[in-house]
Amino acid sequence: MADLFSDAWMKGYMEEWNKEPDVADALAKIDFSSKIAYGFKDEDKPKGLLVVEKGKATVAGAYNGEEVNWDLRATEENWQKWVDKGLGMAGLGAASMSGKLKFKTGDYKAMIKDPRMAGPFVKSFTVMGRVKA
């Protein structure tokens, strides 16, 4: 497997994102478009970028300084745990409250209160586990 959030890994994530109706189709229904960065807590910049337009991932790769709507950070150990096992709604709440999952950019509270966004967000962690870059 390619390194987590590397250019190759992000391209694999984009493919899996678009194959998952509980993510891509669900977000298309609400015209969700966003630039989402992923990275590690102890680093200045995120590693990977996923651009979503009307639910579908259209661009993926290494982060290159783009402005983002969401910047998600965790330790490599926690990311790997969530990639391996997924993350449910209760786990998401616990991870956010404990600081294991940090939203450097983005409104976690607004997202989690909207089931049309929260469900696909949680499912996106399961999708990460399908990446075989």
N, C-alpha and C. Protein backbone atom coordinates (compact mmCIF):
# COMPACT_ATOMS: atom_id res chain seq x y z
N MET A 1 0.84 -1.18 0.00
CA MET A 1 0.00 0.00 0.00
C MET A 1 0.89 1.24 0.00
N ALA A 2 0.47 2.25 -0.76
CA ALA A 2 1.21 3.51 -0.78
C ALA A 2 1.09 4.20 0.58
N ASP A 3 2.01 5.09 0.85
CA ASP A 3 1.98 5.83 2.11
C ASP A 3 0.67 6.60 2.24
N LEU A 4 0.13 6.59 3.44
CA LEU A 4 -1.12 7.27 3.73
C LEU A 4 -1.06 8.73 3.30
N PHE A 5 -2.02 9.15 2.50
CA PHE A 5 -2.20 10.52 1.99
C PHE A 5 -1.16 10.93 0.96
N SER A 6 -0.35 9.98 0.48
CA SER A 6 0.56 10.29 -0.62
C SER A 6 -0.27 10.55 -1.88
N ASP A 7 0.38 11.05 -2.93
CA ASP A 7 -0.31 11.31 -4.18
C ASP A 7 -1.01 10.04 -4.68
N ALA A 8 -0.30 8.92 -4.71
CA ALA A 8 -0.88 7.66 -5.19
C ALA A 8 -2.04 7.20 -4.29
N TRP A 9 -1.87 7.32 -2.99
CA TRP A 9 -2.92 6.90 -2.06
C TRP A 9 -4.17 7.75 -2.26
N MET A 10 -4.00 9.05 -2.42
CA MET A 10 -5.14 9.95 -2.59
C MET A 10 -5.89 9.65 -3.89
N LYS A 11 -5.16 9.30 -4.94
CA LYS A 11 -5.83 8.94 -6.21
C LYS A 11 -6.65 7.66 -6.03
N GLY A 12 -6.12 6.70 -5.28
CA GLY A 12 -6.87 5.49 -4.96
C GLY A 12 -8.10 5.81 -4.12
N TYR A 13 -7.95 6.73 -3.18
CA TYR A 13 -9.07 7.15 -2.34
C TYR A 13 -10.16 7.79 -3.18
N MET A 14 -9.78 8.61 -4.15
CA MET A 14 -10.76 9.24 -5.04
C MET A 14 -11.57 8.18 -5.78
N GLU A 15 -10.90 7.15 -6.28
CA GLU A 15 -11.61 6.07 -6.99
C GLU A 15 -12.60 5.38 -6.08
N GLU A 16 -12.16 5.06 -4.88
CA GLU A 16 -13.05 4.36 -3.93
C GLU A 16 -14.19 5.27 -3.48
N TRP A 17 -13.92 6.55 -3.26
CA TRP A 17 -14.94 7.53 -2.88
C TRP A 17 -16.07 7.51 -3.92
N ASN A 18 -15.68 7.59 -5.19
CA ASN A 18 -16.67 7.69 -6.26
C ASN A 18 -17.45 6.39 -6.48
N LYS A 19 -16.92 5.26 -6.02
CA LYS A 19 -17.62 3.97 -6.12
C LYS A 19 -18.64 3.78 -5.01
N GLU A 20 -18.56 4.60 -3.96
CA GLU A 20 -19.40 4.38 -2.78
C GLU A 20 -20.64 5.27 -2.80
N PRO A 21 -21.82 4.69 -3.08
CA PRO A 21 -23.03 5.51 -3.16
C PRO A 21 -23.39 6.20 -1.84
N ASP A 22 -23.04 5.60 -0.71
CA ASP A 22 -23.34 6.23 0.58
C ASP A 22 -22.48 7.46 0.84
N VAL A 23 -21.48 7.67 0.01
CA VAL A 23 -20.66 8.88 0.10
C VAL A 23 -20.96 9.78 -1.10
N ALA A 24 -20.55 9.36 -2.28
CA ALA A 24 -20.65 10.21 -3.47
C ALA A 24 -22.09 10.56 -3.83
N ASP A 25 -22.96 9.58 -3.90
CA ASP A 25 -24.35 9.85 -4.28
C ASP A 25 -25.09 10.63 -3.20
N ALA A 26 -24.83 10.28 -1.94
CA ALA A 26 -25.48 10.98 -0.83
C ALA A 26 -25.08 12.45 -0.82
N LEU A 27 -23.81 12.74 -1.06
CA LEU A 27 -23.35 14.13 -1.07
C LEU A 27 -23.80 14.86 -2.33
N ALA A 28 -23.97 14.13 -3.43
CA ALA A 28 -24.48 14.76 -4.66
C ALA A 28 -25.89 15.29 -4.45
N LYS A 29 -26.68 14.58 -3.65
CA LYS A 29 -28.06 15.00 -3.39
C LYS A 29 -28.15 16.35 -2.69
N ILE A 30 -27.10 16.74 -1.98
CA ILE A 30 -27.10 18.04 -1.30
C ILE A 30 -26.12 19.02 -1.95
N ASP A 31 -25.68 18.68 -3.16
CA ASP A 31 -24.75 19.54 -3.92
C ASP A 31 -23.50 19.89 -3.12
N PHE A 32 -22.98 18.91 -2.37
CA PHE A 32 -21.79 19.14 -1.55
C PHE A 32 -20.56 19.27 -2.44
N SER A 33 -19.89 20.40 -2.30
CA SER A 33 -18.62 20.65 -2.99
C SER A 33 -17.64 21.21 -1.97
N SER A 34 -16.42 20.71 -2.00
CA SER A 34 -15.46 21.13 -0.98
C SER A 34 -14.05 20.69 -1.35
N LYS A 35 -13.08 21.36 -0.77
CA LYS A 35 -11.68 20.94 -0.86
C LYS A 35 -11.30 20.44 0.52
N ILE A 36 -10.91 19.16 0.59
CA ILE A 36 -10.64 18.52 1.87
C ILE A 36 -9.18 18.10 1.92
N ALA A 37 -8.49 18.57 2.95
CA ALA A 37 -7.09 18.20 3.16
C ALA A 37 -7.00 17.20 4.31
N TYR A 38 -6.04 16.30 4.20
CA TYR A 38 -5.80 15.28 5.22
C TYR A 38 -4.33 15.32 5.59
N GLY A 39 -4.05 15.15 6.88
CA GLY A 39 -2.66 15.16 7.29
C GLY A 39 -2.47 14.72 8.72
N PHE A 40 -1.27 14.98 9.21
CA PHE A 40 -0.86 14.53 10.53
C PHE A 40 -0.74 15.72 11.48
N LYS A 41 -1.11 15.48 12.73
CA LYS A 41 -1.17 16.53 13.76
C LYS A 41 0.13 17.29 13.93
N ASP A 42 1.25 16.61 13.87
CA ASP A 42 2.53 17.24 14.19
C ASP A 42 3.19 17.93 13.00
N GLU A 43 2.50 18.03 11.88
CA GLU A 43 3.09 18.64 10.69
C GLU A 43 2.40 19.96 10.37
N ASP A 44 3.16 20.88 9.79
CA ASP A 44 2.64 22.21 9.48
C ASP A 44 1.57 22.17 8.39
N LYS A 45 1.79 21.33 7.39
CA LYS A 45 0.88 21.29 6.24
C LYS A 45 0.26 19.91 6.12
N PRO A 46 -0.94 19.86 5.54
CA PRO A 46 -1.52 18.54 5.28
C PRO A 46 -0.72 17.80 4.21
N LYS A 47 -0.99 16.51 4.08
CA LYS A 47 -0.29 15.67 3.10
C LYS A 47 -1.07 15.55 1.79
N GLY A 48 -2.39 15.29 1.92
CA GLY A 48 -3.19 14.99 0.75
C GLY A 48 -4.37 15.92 0.59
N LEU A 49 -4.89 15.97 -0.65
CA LEU A 49 -6.02 16.84 -0.98
C LEU A 49 -7.02 16.05 -1.81
N LEU A 50 -8.29 16.24 -1.48
CA LEU A 50 -9.38 15.67 -2.25
C LEU A 50 -10.34 16.81 -2.58
N VAL A 51 -10.61 17.01 -3.86
CA VAL A 51 -11.56 18.02 -4.30
C VAL A 51 -12.86 17.31 -4.66
N VAL A 52 -13.94 17.74 -4.04
CA VAL A 52 -15.25 17.14 -4.26
C VAL A 52 -16.16 18.18 -4.90
N GLU A 53 -16.78 17.79 -6.00
CA GLU A 53 -17.72 18.66 -6.70
C GLU A 53 -19.03 17.92 -6.85
N LYS A 54 -20.06 18.47 -6.20
CA LYS A 54 -21.40 17.87 -6.21
C LYS A 54 -21.34 16.39 -5.86
N GLY A 55 -20.59 16.10 -4.79
CA GLY A 55 -20.51 14.74 -4.25
C GLY A 55 -19.41 13.87 -4.83
N LYS A 56 -19.01 14.12 -6.05
CA LYS A 56 -17.99 13.29 -6.71
C LYS A 56 -16.60 13.88 -6.49
N ALA A 57 -15.66 13.01 -6.19
CA ALA A 57 -14.26 13.44 -6.09
C ALA A 57 -13.75 13.64 -7.51
N THR A 58 -13.23 14.82 -7.80
CA THR A 58 -12.79 15.15 -9.15
C THR A 58 -11.28 15.33 -9.26
N VAL A 59 -10.63 15.65 -8.15
CA VAL A 59 -9.18 15.84 -8.12
C VAL A 59 -8.67 15.24 -6.82
N ALA A 60 -7.55 14.55 -6.91
CA ALA A 60 -6.92 14.00 -5.71
C ALA A 60 -5.42 13.97 -5.92
N GLY A 61 -4.71 14.16 -4.83
CA GLY A 61 -3.25 14.08 -4.92
C GLY A 61 -2.59 14.69 -3.70
N ALA A 62 -1.32 14.96 -3.87
CA ALA A 62 -0.56 15.58 -2.79
C ALA A 62 -1.04 17.02 -2.60
N TYR A 63 -1.02 17.47 -1.37
CA TYR A 63 -1.39 18.85 -1.05
C TYR A 63 -0.26 19.77 -1.50
N ASN A 64 -0.65 20.85 -2.18
CA ASN A 64 0.35 21.80 -2.69
C ASN A 64 0.02 23.24 -2.33
N GLY A 65 -0.48 23.46 -1.13
CA GLY A 65 -0.72 24.82 -0.68
C GLY A 65 -2.09 25.39 -1.03
N GLU A 66 -2.98 24.57 -1.55
CA GLU A 66 -4.30 25.04 -1.91
C GLU A 66 -5.09 25.51 -0.68
N GLU A 67 -6.00 26.47 -0.89
CA GLU A 67 -6.93 26.83 0.18
C GLU A 67 -7.95 25.71 0.28
N VAL A 68 -8.28 25.33 1.51
CA VAL A 68 -9.20 24.22 1.71
C VAL A 68 -10.36 24.63 2.60
N ASN A 69 -11.46 23.89 2.47
CA ASN A 69 -12.63 24.09 3.32
C ASN A 69 -12.53 23.25 4.59
N TRP A 70 -11.81 22.13 4.49
CA TRP A 70 -11.65 21.20 5.60
C TRP A 70 -10.20 20.78 5.66
N ASP A 71 -9.65 20.73 6.85
CA ASP A 71 -8.29 20.25 7.06
C ASP A 71 -8.35 19.33 8.28
N LEU A 72 -8.28 18.03 8.02
CA LEU A 72 -8.43 17.01 9.06
C LEU A 72 -7.07 16.48 9.46
N ARG A 73 -6.81 16.45 10.78
CA ARG A 73 -5.51 16.01 11.28
C ARG A 73 -5.68 14.99 12.39
N ALA A 74 -4.78 14.06 12.41
CA ALA A 74 -4.69 13.06 13.48
C ALA A 74 -3.27 12.50 13.45
N THR A 75 -2.94 11.71 14.45
CA THR A 75 -1.64 11.04 14.42
C THR A 75 -1.70 9.95 13.35
N GLU A 76 -0.54 9.56 12.88
CA GLU A 76 -0.50 8.48 11.88
C GLU A 76 -1.10 7.20 12.47
N GLU A 77 -0.83 6.96 13.74
CA GLU A 77 -1.36 5.77 14.41
C GLU A 77 -2.90 5.77 14.42
N ASN A 78 -3.50 6.90 14.74
CA ASN A 78 -4.97 6.97 14.75
C ASN A 78 -5.55 6.86 13.34
N TRP A 79 -4.95 7.54 12.37
CA TRP A 79 -5.43 7.41 11.00
C TRP A 79 -5.41 5.93 10.58
N GLN A 80 -4.31 5.27 10.87
CA GLN A 80 -4.19 3.87 10.46
C GLN A 80 -5.24 3.01 11.13
N LYS A 81 -5.53 3.27 12.39
CA LYS A 81 -6.57 2.53 13.11
C LYS A 81 -7.93 2.73 12.42
N TRP A 82 -8.24 3.97 12.05
CA TRP A 82 -9.53 4.25 11.40
C TRP A 82 -9.58 3.69 10.00
N VAL A 83 -8.45 3.70 9.29
CA VAL A 83 -8.40 3.09 7.96
C VAL A 83 -8.66 1.58 8.08
N ASP A 84 -8.05 0.97 9.08
CA ASP A 84 -8.19 -0.49 9.26
C ASP A 84 -9.58 -0.89 9.75
N LYS A 85 -10.17 -0.10 10.65
CA LYS A 85 -11.41 -0.51 11.31
C LYS A 85 -12.61 0.37 11.02
N GLY A 86 -12.44 1.47 10.32
CA GLY A 86 -13.54 2.41 10.11
C GLY A 86 -13.75 3.25 11.35
N LEU A 87 -14.77 4.09 11.29
CA LEU A 87 -15.07 4.98 12.39
C LEU A 87 -16.57 5.23 12.38
N GLY A 88 -17.25 4.82 13.43
CA GLY A 88 -18.68 5.04 13.53
C GLY A 88 -18.99 6.42 14.08
N MET A 89 -20.28 6.72 14.18
CA MET A 89 -20.70 8.03 14.67
C MET A 89 -20.23 8.27 16.10
N ALA A 90 -20.36 7.25 16.96
CA ALA A 90 -19.90 7.41 18.35
C ALA A 90 -18.39 7.59 18.40
N GLY A 91 -17.67 6.82 17.58
CA GLY A 91 -16.22 6.95 17.52
C GLY A 91 -15.78 8.31 17.02
N LEU A 92 -16.54 8.85 16.06
CA LEU A 92 -16.24 10.17 15.54
C LEU A 92 -16.38 11.22 16.63
N GLY A 93 -17.46 11.15 17.39
CA GLY A 93 -17.67 12.08 18.48
C GLY A 93 -16.56 11.99 19.51
N ALA A 94 -16.22 10.77 19.87
CA ALA A 94 -15.16 10.56 20.86
C ALA A 94 -13.81 11.06 20.34
N ALA A 95 -13.51 10.78 19.07
CA ALA A 95 -12.24 11.21 18.48
C ALA A 95 -12.13 12.72 18.44
N SER A 96 -13.23 13.37 18.11
CA SER A 96 -13.22 14.83 18.05
C SER A 96 -13.13 15.45 19.44
N MET A 97 -13.91 14.95 20.37
CA MET A 97 -13.93 15.51 21.73
C MET A 97 -12.59 15.30 22.44
N SER A 98 -11.95 14.17 22.18
CA SER A 98 -10.67 13.87 22.84
C SER A 98 -9.48 14.54 22.15
N GLY A 99 -9.73 15.10 20.97
CA GLY A 99 -8.65 15.74 20.22
C GLY A 99 -7.87 14.78 19.34
N LYS A 100 -8.30 13.51 19.28
CA LYS A 100 -7.60 12.55 18.40
C LYS A 100 -7.80 12.91 16.94
N LEU A 101 -8.97 13.47 16.61
CA LEU A 101 -9.24 13.97 15.26
C LEU A 101 -9.44 15.47 15.38
N LYS A 102 -8.57 16.21 14.73
CA LYS A 102 -8.59 17.67 14.82
C LYS A 102 -9.05 18.25 13.49
N PHE A 103 -9.97 19.19 13.57
CA PHE A 103 -10.42 19.92 12.40
C PHE A 103 -9.71 21.27 12.42
N LYS A 104 -8.58 21.36 11.71
CA LYS A 104 -7.84 22.63 11.68
C LYS A 104 -8.63 23.67 10.91
N THR A 105 -9.38 23.22 9.92
CA THR A 105 -10.27 24.07 9.14
C THR A 105 -11.56 23.28 8.95
N GLY A 106 -12.68 23.97 9.02
CA GLY A 106 -13.97 23.32 8.83
C GLY A 106 -14.81 23.36 10.09
N ASP A 107 -16.11 23.35 9.90
CA ASP A 107 -17.05 23.47 11.01
C ASP A 107 -17.60 22.10 11.39
N TYR A 108 -16.90 21.44 12.30
CA TYR A 108 -17.28 20.10 12.76
C TYR A 108 -18.70 20.09 13.31
N LYS A 109 -19.04 21.07 14.13
CA LYS A 109 -20.36 21.07 14.78
C LYS A 109 -21.48 21.18 13.76
N ALA A 110 -21.34 22.03 12.77
CA ALA A 110 -22.37 22.15 11.74
C ALA A 110 -22.50 20.86 10.94
N MET A 111 -21.36 20.25 10.62
CA MET A 111 -21.37 19.01 9.83
C MET A 111 -22.04 17.89 10.60
N ILE A 112 -21.69 17.71 11.85
CA ILE A 112 -22.18 16.59 12.63
C ILE A 112 -23.68 16.72 12.94
N LYS A 113 -24.19 17.94 12.94
CA LYS A 113 -25.62 18.17 13.19
C LYS A 113 -26.47 17.91 11.96
N ASP A 114 -25.86 17.79 10.80
CA ASP A 114 -26.59 17.56 9.55
C ASP A 114 -26.37 16.12 9.12
N PRO A 115 -27.36 15.24 9.33
CA PRO A 115 -27.17 13.83 8.98
C PRO A 115 -26.86 13.60 7.51
N ARG A 116 -27.23 14.54 6.65
CA ARG A 116 -26.94 14.40 5.22
C ARG A 116 -25.44 14.53 4.95
N MET A 117 -24.73 15.18 5.88
CA MET A 117 -23.27 15.29 5.78
C MET A 117 -22.57 14.32 6.72
N ALA A 118 -23.09 14.15 7.92
CA ALA A 118 -22.43 13.33 8.93
C ALA A 118 -22.33 11.87 8.50
N GLY A 119 -23.40 11.32 7.95
CA GLY A 119 -23.38 9.92 7.51
C GLY A 119 -22.31 9.65 6.47
N PRO A 120 -22.28 10.43 5.38
CA PRO A 120 -21.22 10.24 4.39
C PRO A 120 -19.82 10.47 4.94
N PHE A 121 -19.68 11.43 5.87
CA PHE A 121 -18.36 11.69 6.46
C PHE A 121 -17.87 10.45 7.21
N VAL A 122 -18.72 9.87 8.03
CA VAL A 122 -18.35 8.67 8.78
C VAL A 122 -18.03 7.53 7.80
N LYS A 123 -18.84 7.38 6.76
CA LYS A 123 -18.63 6.32 5.78
C LYS A 123 -17.31 6.51 5.03
N SER A 124 -16.85 7.75 4.90
CA SER A 124 -15.60 8.01 4.16
C SER A 124 -14.40 7.34 4.84
N PHE A 125 -14.48 7.10 6.14
CA PHE A 125 -13.40 6.39 6.84
C PHE A 125 -13.37 4.91 6.43
N THR A 126 -14.53 4.33 6.22
CA THR A 126 -14.61 2.95 5.72
C THR A 126 -14.04 2.88 4.32
N VAL A 127 -14.36 3.89 3.51
CA VAL A 127 -13.85 3.96 2.13
C VAL A 127 -12.32 4.01 2.12
N MET A 128 -11.73 4.71 3.09
CA MET A 128 -10.27 4.78 3.18
C MET A 128 -9.65 3.38 3.28
N GLY A 129 -10.34 2.49 3.98
CA GLY A 129 -9.84 1.14 4.16
C GLY A 129 -9.82 0.31 2.89
N ARG A 130 -10.48 0.78 1.85
CA ARG A 130 -10.54 0.05 0.57
C ARG A 130 -9.43 0.44 -0.38
N VAL A 131 -8.65 1.46 -0.02
CA VAL A 131 -7.61 1.97 -0.93
C VAL A 131 -6.48 0.94 -1.03
N LYS A 132 -6.18 0.57 -2.27
CA LYS A 132 -5.09 -0.36 -2.56
C LYS A 132 -4.20 0.29 -3.61
N ALA A 133 -3.46 1.29 -3.21
CA ALA A 133 -2.65 2.06 -4.18
C ALA A 133 -1.41 1.29 -4.58
